[in-house]
N, C-alpha and C. Protein backbone atom coordinates (compact mmCIF):
# COMPACT_ATOMS: atom_id res chain seq x y z
N MET A 1 0.85 -1.17 0.00
CA MET A 1 0.00 0.00 0.00
C MET A 1 0.89 1.23 0.00
N SER A 2 0.59 2.18 -0.85
CA SER A 2 1.40 3.39 -0.85
C SER A 2 0.59 4.52 -0.23
N LEU A 3 1.28 5.39 0.42
CA LEU A 3 0.64 6.52 1.08
C LEU A 3 0.51 7.69 0.12
N PRO A 4 -0.48 8.55 0.34
CA PRO A 4 -0.50 9.79 -0.44
C PRO A 4 0.78 10.57 -0.15
N GLU A 5 1.15 11.44 -1.07
CA GLU A 5 2.43 12.15 -0.93
C GLU A 5 2.56 12.86 0.41
N SER A 6 1.50 13.49 0.90
CA SER A 6 1.58 14.19 2.19
C SER A 6 1.79 13.21 3.33
N GLY A 7 1.16 12.00 3.24
CA GLY A 7 1.36 10.98 4.27
C GLY A 7 2.78 10.45 4.26
N ALA A 8 3.34 10.27 3.06
CA ALA A 8 4.72 9.81 2.94
C ALA A 8 5.68 10.83 3.52
N GLN A 9 5.42 12.10 3.26
CA GLN A 9 6.28 13.16 3.80
C GLN A 9 6.19 13.19 5.32
N ARG A 10 4.98 13.06 5.86
CA ARG A 10 4.80 13.07 7.31
C ARG A 10 5.50 11.86 7.94
N PHE A 11 5.40 10.70 7.30
CA PHE A 11 6.07 9.51 7.78
C PHE A 11 7.58 9.75 7.85
N MET A 12 8.14 10.29 6.78
CA MET A 12 9.59 10.54 6.75
C MET A 12 10.00 11.55 7.82
N GLN A 13 9.19 12.55 8.07
CA GLN A 13 9.50 13.54 9.11
C GLN A 13 9.54 12.88 10.49
N LEU A 14 8.61 11.97 10.72
CA LEU A 14 8.56 11.30 12.03
C LEU A 14 9.65 10.24 12.19
N VAL A 15 9.99 9.56 11.11
CA VAL A 15 10.97 8.47 11.18
C VAL A 15 12.41 8.98 11.20
N ALA A 16 12.68 10.04 10.47
CA ALA A 16 14.06 10.52 10.32
C ALA A 16 14.83 10.63 11.63
N PRO A 17 14.28 11.27 12.67
CA PRO A 17 15.06 11.37 13.91
C PRO A 17 15.22 10.05 14.67
N LEU A 18 14.46 9.04 14.28
CA LEU A 18 14.48 7.76 15.00
C LEU A 18 15.24 6.66 14.28
N GLU A 19 15.69 6.91 13.06
CA GLU A 19 16.31 5.85 12.26
C GLU A 19 17.51 5.20 12.95
N LYS A 20 18.40 6.01 13.51
CA LYS A 20 19.58 5.44 14.18
C LYS A 20 19.16 4.62 15.41
N LYS A 21 18.19 5.13 16.15
CA LYS A 21 17.73 4.39 17.34
C LYS A 21 17.09 3.08 16.93
N VAL A 22 16.37 3.07 15.83
CA VAL A 22 15.76 1.84 15.34
C VAL A 22 16.87 0.83 15.03
N TYR A 23 17.90 1.28 14.31
CA TYR A 23 19.00 0.38 13.97
C TYR A 23 19.70 -0.14 15.22
N PHE A 24 20.00 0.75 16.17
CA PHE A 24 20.72 0.31 17.37
C PHE A 24 19.84 -0.59 18.25
N THR A 25 18.55 -0.36 18.25
CA THR A 25 17.65 -1.27 18.95
C THR A 25 17.72 -2.65 18.32
N CYS A 26 17.67 -2.70 17.00
CA CYS A 26 17.79 -3.98 16.29
C CYS A 26 19.15 -4.62 16.53
N LEU A 27 20.20 -3.83 16.54
CA LEU A 27 21.54 -4.36 16.78
C LEU A 27 21.63 -5.00 18.15
N ARG A 28 21.10 -4.35 19.16
CA ARG A 28 21.16 -4.91 20.52
C ARG A 28 20.28 -6.15 20.65
N MET A 29 19.20 -6.18 19.93
CA MET A 29 18.33 -7.35 19.98
C MET A 29 18.91 -8.53 19.20
N MET A 30 19.45 -8.25 18.04
CA MET A 30 19.87 -9.32 17.14
C MET A 30 21.31 -9.75 17.36
N GLY A 31 22.17 -8.85 17.82
CA GLY A 31 23.53 -9.22 18.15
C GLY A 31 24.54 -9.12 17.02
N ASN A 32 24.10 -8.85 15.79
CA ASN A 32 25.06 -8.66 14.71
C ASN A 32 24.50 -7.68 13.69
N ARG A 33 25.41 -7.09 12.93
CA ARG A 33 25.04 -6.01 12.01
C ARG A 33 24.10 -6.46 10.91
N GLU A 34 24.38 -7.61 10.33
CA GLU A 34 23.58 -8.06 9.19
C GLU A 34 22.13 -8.26 9.58
N ASP A 35 21.90 -9.00 10.65
CA ASP A 35 20.52 -9.24 11.10
C ASP A 35 19.86 -7.94 11.55
N ALA A 36 20.65 -7.06 12.18
CA ALA A 36 20.10 -5.77 12.63
C ALA A 36 19.65 -4.93 11.43
N GLU A 37 20.47 -4.89 10.40
CA GLU A 37 20.10 -4.13 9.21
C GLU A 37 18.85 -4.71 8.57
N ASP A 38 18.78 -6.04 8.49
CA ASP A 38 17.59 -6.68 7.91
C ASP A 38 16.34 -6.36 8.72
N CYS A 39 16.44 -6.47 10.04
CA CYS A 39 15.28 -6.22 10.89
C CYS A 39 14.87 -4.74 10.86
N ALA A 40 15.86 -3.86 10.88
CA ALA A 40 15.54 -2.43 10.83
C ALA A 40 14.82 -2.10 9.53
N GLN A 41 15.32 -2.61 8.43
CA GLN A 41 14.71 -2.36 7.14
C GLN A 41 13.29 -2.95 7.09
N GLU A 42 13.15 -4.18 7.56
CA GLU A 42 11.84 -4.82 7.57
C GLU A 42 10.85 -4.04 8.45
N ALA A 43 11.30 -3.62 9.63
CA ALA A 43 10.43 -2.87 10.54
C ALA A 43 10.00 -1.54 9.94
N LEU A 44 10.94 -0.84 9.30
CA LEU A 44 10.60 0.45 8.69
C LEU A 44 9.64 0.27 7.51
N LEU A 45 9.82 -0.79 6.76
CA LEU A 45 8.89 -1.08 5.66
C LEU A 45 7.50 -1.41 6.21
N LYS A 46 7.46 -2.19 7.28
CA LYS A 46 6.17 -2.49 7.92
C LYS A 46 5.52 -1.20 8.44
N ALA A 47 6.33 -0.36 9.06
CA ALA A 47 5.80 0.90 9.59
C ALA A 47 5.25 1.78 8.48
N TYR A 48 5.96 1.85 7.37
CA TYR A 48 5.50 2.65 6.23
C TYR A 48 4.18 2.10 5.71
N GLY A 49 4.11 0.79 5.59
CA GLY A 49 2.88 0.17 5.10
C GLY A 49 1.70 0.33 6.05
N ALA A 50 1.99 0.40 7.34
CA ALA A 50 0.92 0.50 8.34
C ALA A 50 0.71 1.92 8.85
N PHE A 51 1.42 2.88 8.30
CA PHE A 51 1.37 4.26 8.82
C PHE A 51 -0.05 4.82 8.80
N SER A 52 -0.84 4.42 7.84
CA SER A 52 -2.21 4.94 7.76
C SER A 52 -3.06 4.47 8.95
N THR A 53 -2.60 3.41 9.66
CA THR A 53 -3.34 2.92 10.83
C THR A 53 -2.89 3.62 12.11
N PHE A 54 -1.83 4.40 12.05
CA PHE A 54 -1.34 5.12 13.24
C PHE A 54 -2.35 6.21 13.58
N ARG A 55 -2.95 6.09 14.77
CA ARG A 55 -4.00 7.03 15.17
C ARG A 55 -3.52 8.09 16.14
N GLY A 56 -2.30 8.03 16.57
CA GLY A 56 -1.78 9.05 17.48
C GLY A 56 -2.20 8.86 18.92
N GLU A 57 -2.71 7.67 19.28
CA GLU A 57 -3.10 7.41 20.67
C GLU A 57 -1.86 7.28 21.57
N ALA A 58 -0.76 6.90 20.98
CA ALA A 58 0.53 6.82 21.68
C ALA A 58 1.51 7.68 20.89
N ARG A 59 2.67 7.90 21.47
CA ARG A 59 3.68 8.64 20.72
C ARG A 59 4.08 7.81 19.51
N PHE A 60 4.50 8.48 18.45
CA PHE A 60 4.92 7.78 17.25
C PHE A 60 6.08 6.83 17.54
N SER A 61 7.01 7.28 18.39
CA SER A 61 8.16 6.43 18.71
C SER A 61 7.72 5.14 19.39
N THR A 62 6.73 5.21 20.25
CA THR A 62 6.22 4.01 20.92
C THR A 62 5.60 3.06 19.90
N TRP A 63 4.81 3.61 19.00
CA TRP A 63 4.19 2.81 17.94
C TRP A 63 5.26 2.15 17.07
N LEU A 64 6.29 2.93 16.71
CA LEU A 64 7.37 2.40 15.87
C LEU A 64 8.16 1.33 16.60
N TYR A 65 8.51 1.56 17.89
CA TYR A 65 9.26 0.57 18.65
C TYR A 65 8.47 -0.73 18.80
N THR A 66 7.15 -0.64 18.83
CA THR A 66 6.33 -1.84 18.88
C THR A 66 6.58 -2.69 17.65
N LEU A 67 6.58 -2.06 16.49
CA LEU A 67 6.85 -2.79 15.24
C LEU A 67 8.28 -3.32 15.21
N VAL A 68 9.22 -2.51 15.68
CA VAL A 68 10.64 -2.91 15.68
C VAL A 68 10.84 -4.13 16.58
N MET A 69 10.29 -4.07 17.79
CA MET A 69 10.45 -5.19 18.73
C MET A 69 9.79 -6.45 18.20
N ARG A 70 8.61 -6.32 17.66
CA ARG A 70 7.93 -7.50 17.11
C ARG A 70 8.74 -8.11 15.97
N THR A 71 9.30 -7.26 15.13
CA THR A 71 10.12 -7.75 14.02
C THR A 71 11.34 -8.50 14.55
N CYS A 72 12.03 -7.92 15.54
CA CYS A 72 13.21 -8.57 16.10
C CYS A 72 12.86 -9.87 16.82
N LEU A 73 11.81 -9.84 17.63
CA LEU A 73 11.42 -11.05 18.36
C LEU A 73 10.99 -12.15 17.40
N ASP A 74 10.29 -11.79 16.33
CA ASP A 74 9.93 -12.79 15.32
C ASP A 74 11.17 -13.38 14.66
N ALA A 75 12.14 -12.52 14.35
CA ALA A 75 13.38 -12.99 13.72
C ALA A 75 14.15 -13.91 14.67
N LEU A 76 14.18 -13.57 15.95
CA LEU A 76 14.87 -14.42 16.93
C LEU A 76 14.16 -15.76 17.07
N ARG A 77 12.85 -15.75 17.04
CA ARG A 77 12.11 -17.02 17.11
C ARG A 77 12.39 -17.88 15.88
N ARG A 78 12.46 -17.24 14.72
CA ARG A 78 12.75 -17.98 13.49
C ARG A 78 14.16 -18.55 13.52
N ARG A 79 15.06 -17.79 14.08
CA ARG A 79 16.46 -18.22 14.11
C ARG A 79 16.64 -19.45 14.98
N LYS A 80 15.97 -19.47 16.13
CA LYS A 80 15.98 -20.59 17.07
C LYS A 80 17.37 -21.04 17.48
N ASP A 81 18.32 -20.19 17.42
CA ASP A 81 19.64 -20.54 17.94
C ASP A 81 20.17 -19.34 18.71
N ASP A 82 21.18 -19.57 19.50
CA ASP A 82 21.75 -18.50 20.31
C ASP A 82 22.45 -17.48 19.43
N VAL A 83 22.43 -16.24 19.90
CA VAL A 83 23.13 -15.18 19.20
C VAL A 83 24.63 -15.41 19.33
N SER A 84 25.34 -15.32 18.25
CA SER A 84 26.78 -15.53 18.26
C SER A 84 27.47 -14.37 18.97
N LEU A 85 28.20 -14.68 20.00
CA LEU A 85 28.94 -13.64 20.71
C LEU A 85 30.15 -13.18 19.91
N ASP A 86 30.67 -14.06 19.03
CA ASP A 86 31.80 -13.68 18.20
C ASP A 86 31.42 -12.55 17.25
N ALA A 87 30.19 -12.55 16.79
CA ALA A 87 29.75 -11.49 15.88
C ALA A 87 29.78 -10.13 16.55
N LEU A 88 29.67 -10.11 17.88
CA LEU A 88 29.69 -8.84 18.60
C LEU A 88 31.08 -8.21 18.63
N ARG A 89 32.08 -9.01 18.41
CA ARG A 89 33.45 -8.52 18.49
C ARG A 89 33.95 -7.98 17.16
N GLU A 90 33.04 -7.81 16.20
CA GLU A 90 33.39 -7.28 14.89
C GLU A 90 34.02 -5.88 14.96
N GLU A 91 33.46 -5.08 15.86
CA GLU A 91 33.92 -3.70 15.91
C GLU A 91 35.37 -3.64 16.40
N GLY A 92 36.21 -3.12 15.59
CA GLY A 92 37.64 -3.06 15.90
C GLY A 92 37.97 -1.93 16.85
N TYR A 93 39.18 -1.93 17.27
CA TYR A 93 39.70 -0.92 18.18
C TYR A 93 40.71 -0.10 17.41
N GLU A 94 40.51 1.21 17.39
CA GLU A 94 41.43 2.13 16.73
C GLU A 94 42.30 2.78 17.80
N PRO A 95 43.59 2.51 17.83
CA PRO A 95 44.42 3.10 18.88
C PRO A 95 44.54 4.62 18.73
N ALA A 96 44.49 5.28 19.85
CA ALA A 96 44.64 6.74 19.86
C ALA A 96 46.13 7.07 19.87
N GLY A 97 46.43 8.35 19.80
CA GLY A 97 47.81 8.79 19.71
C GLY A 97 48.66 8.44 20.91
N GLU A 98 48.16 8.67 22.11
CA GLU A 98 48.96 8.43 23.31
C GLU A 98 48.63 7.06 23.90
N ALA A 99 49.63 6.42 24.47
CA ALA A 99 49.47 5.06 24.99
C ALA A 99 48.43 4.99 26.11
N ALA A 100 48.44 5.93 27.04
CA ALA A 100 47.48 5.91 28.15
C ALA A 100 46.06 6.05 27.63
N GLU A 101 45.87 6.96 26.72
CA GLU A 101 44.54 7.17 26.14
C GLU A 101 44.09 5.93 25.36
N ALA A 102 45.03 5.32 24.66
CA ALA A 102 44.72 4.11 23.91
C ALA A 102 44.32 2.97 24.85
N TYR A 103 45.03 2.87 25.98
CA TYR A 103 44.69 1.82 26.94
C TYR A 103 43.29 2.04 27.51
N LEU A 104 42.96 3.27 27.86
CA LEU A 104 41.63 3.57 28.40
C LEU A 104 40.54 3.29 27.38
N LYS A 105 40.82 3.61 26.14
CA LYS A 105 39.84 3.35 25.09
C LYS A 105 39.65 1.84 24.91
N LEU A 106 40.73 1.10 24.93
CA LEU A 106 40.65 -0.36 24.80
C LEU A 106 39.86 -0.94 25.97
N GLU A 107 40.14 -0.47 27.16
CA GLU A 107 39.43 -0.95 28.35
C GLU A 107 37.94 -0.64 28.24
N GLN A 108 37.61 0.54 27.76
CA GLN A 108 36.21 0.93 27.58
C GLN A 108 35.54 0.03 26.54
N GLU A 109 36.23 -0.26 25.46
CA GLU A 109 35.68 -1.15 24.43
C GLU A 109 35.48 -2.56 24.97
N GLU A 110 36.40 -3.02 25.82
CA GLU A 110 36.26 -4.34 26.42
C GLU A 110 35.06 -4.39 27.35
N ARG A 111 34.85 -3.32 28.12
CA ARG A 111 33.67 -3.25 28.99
C ARG A 111 32.39 -3.27 28.16
N ARG A 112 32.41 -2.49 27.10
CA ARG A 112 31.24 -2.41 26.22
C ARG A 112 30.95 -3.78 25.60
N ALA A 113 31.98 -4.46 25.12
CA ALA A 113 31.80 -5.79 24.52
C ALA A 113 31.28 -6.78 25.56
N ALA A 114 31.81 -6.69 26.79
CA ALA A 114 31.35 -7.59 27.86
C ALA A 114 29.89 -7.32 28.20
N LEU A 115 29.52 -6.06 28.22
CA LEU A 115 28.13 -5.71 28.51
C LEU A 115 27.20 -6.21 27.41
N ILE A 116 27.60 -6.03 26.17
CA ILE A 116 26.79 -6.51 25.04
C ILE A 116 26.69 -8.04 25.08
N ALA A 117 27.81 -8.70 25.35
CA ALA A 117 27.80 -10.16 25.44
C ALA A 117 26.88 -10.62 26.57
N ALA A 118 26.94 -9.93 27.71
CA ALA A 118 26.07 -10.29 28.83
C ALA A 118 24.61 -10.03 28.48
N LEU A 119 24.34 -8.94 27.80
CA LEU A 119 22.98 -8.62 27.36
C LEU A 119 22.45 -9.73 26.45
N ASN A 120 23.31 -10.25 25.61
CA ASN A 120 22.89 -11.29 24.67
C ASN A 120 22.72 -12.66 25.32
N THR A 121 23.14 -12.82 26.58
CA THR A 121 22.88 -14.07 27.28
C THR A 121 21.47 -14.11 27.85
N LEU A 122 20.83 -12.94 27.91
CA LEU A 122 19.47 -12.87 28.45
C LEU A 122 18.47 -13.47 27.46
N PRO A 123 17.40 -14.04 27.98
CA PRO A 123 16.32 -14.47 27.09
C PRO A 123 15.79 -13.25 26.32
N ALA A 124 15.25 -13.47 25.14
CA ALA A 124 14.80 -12.38 24.27
C ALA A 124 13.80 -11.46 24.97
N ASP A 125 12.90 -12.00 25.78
CA ASP A 125 11.91 -11.16 26.47
C ASP A 125 12.57 -10.21 27.46
N PHE A 126 13.58 -10.69 28.18
CA PHE A 126 14.30 -9.85 29.12
C PHE A 126 15.14 -8.82 28.38
N ARG A 127 15.80 -9.27 27.31
CA ARG A 127 16.64 -8.38 26.51
C ARG A 127 15.81 -7.24 25.93
N ALA A 128 14.61 -7.55 25.46
CA ALA A 128 13.73 -6.52 24.89
C ALA A 128 13.42 -5.45 25.92
N VAL A 129 13.14 -5.85 27.15
CA VAL A 129 12.84 -4.89 28.21
C VAL A 129 14.06 -4.02 28.49
N MET A 130 15.24 -4.63 28.58
CA MET A 130 16.46 -3.87 28.87
C MET A 130 16.78 -2.88 27.75
N VAL A 131 16.63 -3.32 26.51
CA VAL A 131 16.90 -2.43 25.38
C VAL A 131 15.97 -1.23 25.42
N LEU A 132 14.69 -1.48 25.65
CA LEU A 132 13.73 -0.37 25.65
C LEU A 132 13.93 0.57 26.84
N LEU A 133 14.13 0.01 28.02
CA LEU A 133 14.25 0.85 29.21
C LEU A 133 15.62 1.53 29.31
N ASP A 134 16.67 0.74 29.27
CA ASP A 134 17.99 1.27 29.58
C ASP A 134 18.74 1.83 28.37
N LEU A 135 18.48 1.32 27.19
CA LEU A 135 19.20 1.83 26.03
C LEU A 135 18.39 2.87 25.26
N GLN A 136 17.08 2.69 25.19
CA GLN A 136 16.25 3.64 24.45
C GLN A 136 15.60 4.67 25.37
N GLY A 137 15.62 4.44 26.68
CA GLY A 137 15.12 5.43 27.63
C GLY A 137 13.61 5.53 27.73
N LEU A 138 12.90 4.48 27.32
CA LEU A 138 11.45 4.49 27.46
C LEU A 138 11.08 4.30 28.91
N THR A 139 9.90 4.76 29.28
CA THR A 139 9.38 4.52 30.63
C THR A 139 8.83 3.10 30.68
N CYS A 140 8.57 2.61 31.88
CA CYS A 140 7.98 1.28 32.02
C CYS A 140 6.63 1.22 31.32
N ARG A 141 5.86 2.27 31.44
CA ARG A 141 4.54 2.31 30.79
C ARG A 141 4.69 2.23 29.27
N GLU A 142 5.64 2.99 28.71
CA GLU A 142 5.86 2.96 27.26
C GLU A 142 6.36 1.59 26.81
N ALA A 143 7.27 1.01 27.56
CA ALA A 143 7.79 -0.32 27.21
C ALA A 143 6.68 -1.36 27.27
N ALA A 144 5.80 -1.24 28.26
CA ALA A 144 4.67 -2.17 28.38
C ALA A 144 3.77 -2.06 27.15
N ARG A 145 3.57 -0.84 26.70
CA ARG A 145 2.75 -0.63 25.50
C ARG A 145 3.42 -1.24 24.26
N VAL A 146 4.74 -1.00 24.13
CA VAL A 146 5.47 -1.52 22.98
C VAL A 146 5.41 -3.04 22.95
N LEU A 147 5.61 -3.67 24.10
CA LEU A 147 5.68 -5.12 24.18
C LEU A 147 4.31 -5.78 24.38
N ASP A 148 3.30 -4.96 24.62
CA ASP A 148 1.93 -5.44 24.82
C ASP A 148 1.86 -6.40 26.00
N ILE A 149 2.47 -5.97 27.11
CA ILE A 149 2.44 -6.74 28.36
C ILE A 149 2.14 -5.77 29.49
N PRO A 150 1.70 -6.27 30.65
CA PRO A 150 1.43 -5.37 31.78
C PRO A 150 2.70 -4.65 32.26
N GLU A 151 2.49 -3.47 32.80
CA GLU A 151 3.61 -2.68 33.30
C GLU A 151 4.36 -3.42 34.41
N GLY A 152 3.64 -4.15 35.25
CA GLY A 152 4.28 -4.94 36.31
C GLY A 152 5.21 -6.00 35.75
N THR A 153 4.83 -6.57 34.63
CA THR A 153 5.68 -7.59 33.98
C THR A 153 6.96 -6.95 33.48
N VAL A 154 6.86 -5.74 32.95
CA VAL A 154 8.05 -5.01 32.50
C VAL A 154 8.99 -4.80 33.69
N LYS A 155 8.45 -4.35 34.81
CA LYS A 155 9.27 -4.09 36.00
C LYS A 155 9.90 -5.37 36.51
N SER A 156 9.14 -6.44 36.53
CA SER A 156 9.65 -7.73 37.00
C SER A 156 10.78 -8.23 36.10
N ARG A 157 10.54 -8.18 34.78
CA ARG A 157 11.57 -8.63 33.84
C ARG A 157 12.81 -7.76 33.92
N ALA A 158 12.63 -6.47 34.11
CA ALA A 158 13.78 -5.56 34.22
C ALA A 158 14.60 -5.91 35.46
N SER A 159 13.92 -6.15 36.56
CA SER A 159 14.62 -6.49 37.80
C SER A 159 15.39 -7.80 37.64
N ARG A 160 14.73 -8.80 37.10
CA ARG A 160 15.38 -10.10 36.92
C ARG A 160 16.52 -10.00 35.91
N ALA A 161 16.34 -9.23 34.86
CA ALA A 161 17.39 -9.06 33.85
C ALA A 161 18.60 -8.34 34.45
N ARG A 162 18.36 -7.32 35.25
CA ARG A 162 19.47 -6.59 35.86
C ARG A 162 20.25 -7.47 36.82
N ARG A 163 19.54 -8.31 37.57
CA ARG A 163 20.24 -9.25 38.46
C ARG A 163 21.09 -10.22 37.64
N ALA A 164 20.55 -10.72 36.55
CA ALA A 164 21.30 -11.65 35.70
C ALA A 164 22.51 -10.96 35.09
N LEU A 165 22.34 -9.71 34.66
CA LEU A 165 23.48 -8.97 34.11
C LEU A 165 24.54 -8.73 35.18
N TYR A 166 24.11 -8.40 36.38
CA TYR A 166 25.05 -8.18 37.48
C TYR A 166 25.86 -9.45 37.74
N ARG A 167 25.16 -10.59 37.81
CA ARG A 167 25.87 -11.86 38.05
C ARG A 167 26.87 -12.14 36.93
N GLU A 168 26.44 -11.93 35.70
CA GLU A 168 27.30 -12.21 34.55
C GLU A 168 28.52 -11.28 34.54
N LEU A 169 28.30 -10.00 34.78
CA LEU A 169 29.40 -9.03 34.72
C LEU A 169 30.31 -9.11 35.94
N SER A 170 29.80 -9.56 37.07
CA SER A 170 30.65 -9.66 38.26
C SER A 170 31.69 -10.76 38.12
N ARG A 171 31.52 -11.62 37.14
CA ARG A 171 32.53 -12.65 36.85
C ARG A 171 33.77 -12.05 36.20
N GLN A 172 33.64 -10.84 35.71
CA GLN A 172 34.74 -10.16 35.03
C GLN A 172 35.22 -8.98 35.87
N LYS A 173 35.64 -9.29 37.06
CA LYS A 173 36.02 -8.27 38.03
C LYS A 173 37.11 -7.32 37.51
N GLU A 174 38.01 -7.84 36.66
CA GLU A 174 39.10 -6.99 36.17
C GLU A 174 38.58 -5.84 35.31
N LEU A 175 37.42 -6.02 34.68
CA LEU A 175 36.85 -4.94 33.85
C LEU A 175 35.93 -4.03 34.64
N PHE A 176 35.36 -4.56 35.71
CA PHE A 176 34.35 -3.80 36.43
C PHE A 176 34.71 -3.61 37.89
N THR A 177 35.97 -3.34 38.18
CA THR A 177 36.37 -3.07 39.55
C THR A 177 35.89 -1.69 39.94
N ASP A 178 35.43 -1.62 41.15
CA ASP A 178 34.86 -0.37 41.63
C ASP A 178 35.00 -0.37 43.15
N LYS A 179 35.26 0.76 43.71
CA LYS A 179 35.43 0.86 45.16
C LYS A 179 34.09 0.84 45.88
N THR A 180 33.01 1.08 45.16
CA THR A 180 31.70 1.10 45.81
C THR A 180 31.24 -0.32 46.10
N ARG A 181 30.45 -0.43 47.14
CA ARG A 181 29.95 -1.73 47.55
C ARG A 181 28.51 -1.85 47.09
N HIS A 182 28.15 -2.97 46.52
CA HIS A 182 26.80 -3.19 46.06
C HIS A 182 25.95 -3.72 47.20
N ASN A 183 24.65 -3.65 47.05
CA ASN A 183 23.71 -4.02 48.11
C ASN A 183 23.95 -5.40 48.70
N ASP A 184 24.30 -6.36 47.88
CA ASP A 184 24.42 -7.72 48.38
C ASP A 184 25.84 -8.07 48.84
N GLU A 185 26.73 -7.11 48.87
CA GLU A 185 28.10 -7.39 49.32
C GLU A 185 28.20 -7.11 50.82
N ARG A 186 28.97 -7.91 51.49
CA ARG A 186 29.20 -7.70 52.93
C ARG A 186 30.41 -6.82 53.13
N ARG A 187 30.40 -6.15 54.23
CA ARG A 187 31.57 -5.32 54.59
C ARG A 187 32.68 -6.22 55.09
N SER A 188 33.88 -5.86 54.66
CA SER A 188 35.02 -6.58 55.23
C SER A 188 35.42 -5.85 56.49
N HIS A 189 36.24 -6.48 57.29
CA HIS A 189 36.68 -5.84 58.54
C HIS A 189 37.47 -4.56 58.26
N ASN A 190 38.11 -4.48 57.09
CA ASN A 190 38.87 -3.29 56.73
C ASN A 190 37.99 -2.09 56.48
N ASP A 191 36.71 -2.33 56.12
CA ASP A 191 35.78 -1.22 55.84
C ASP A 191 35.26 -0.57 57.11
N LEU A 192 35.37 -1.26 58.24
CA LEU A 192 34.78 -0.75 59.48
C LEU A 192 35.63 0.30 60.13
């Protein structure tokens, strides 16, 4: 179905500021560039085809993220295999001019890769909640609308996903050392 020219222009105006976020949402959900590009393109085509059904009851971004998430979750169900963590390491490291700065950048990239790898260990439903809440900045209510689940379920999945991420990332203490103590850590005698 094609939109009238004014509808197509309005669609492009609404989508343009969200295109990068759509791609990065797909990238975080799918775990590799190729699948992310396919899903982003498919979601945007679906959105264009369904734009005439958008009634403005929710924000356009919420409506669009609903299509994006459904597209990614459908693709993950079709794939039926785990996301390759090796594909996440595609992004190379460009050394900076000074050695100290280069080391910090490498360390930051390693943390980022570890976080992405940990995110990809989550079940797709938990990952979807984390991507929407923590990476896209949606509220629990908006994420619930996008995923078509109760707001309480979003909160529960977010809590369980964050605990799972914490457990996964705490195994890599060398990347995530911090002087702060987390809620479940006990004080050592030296802290008293």
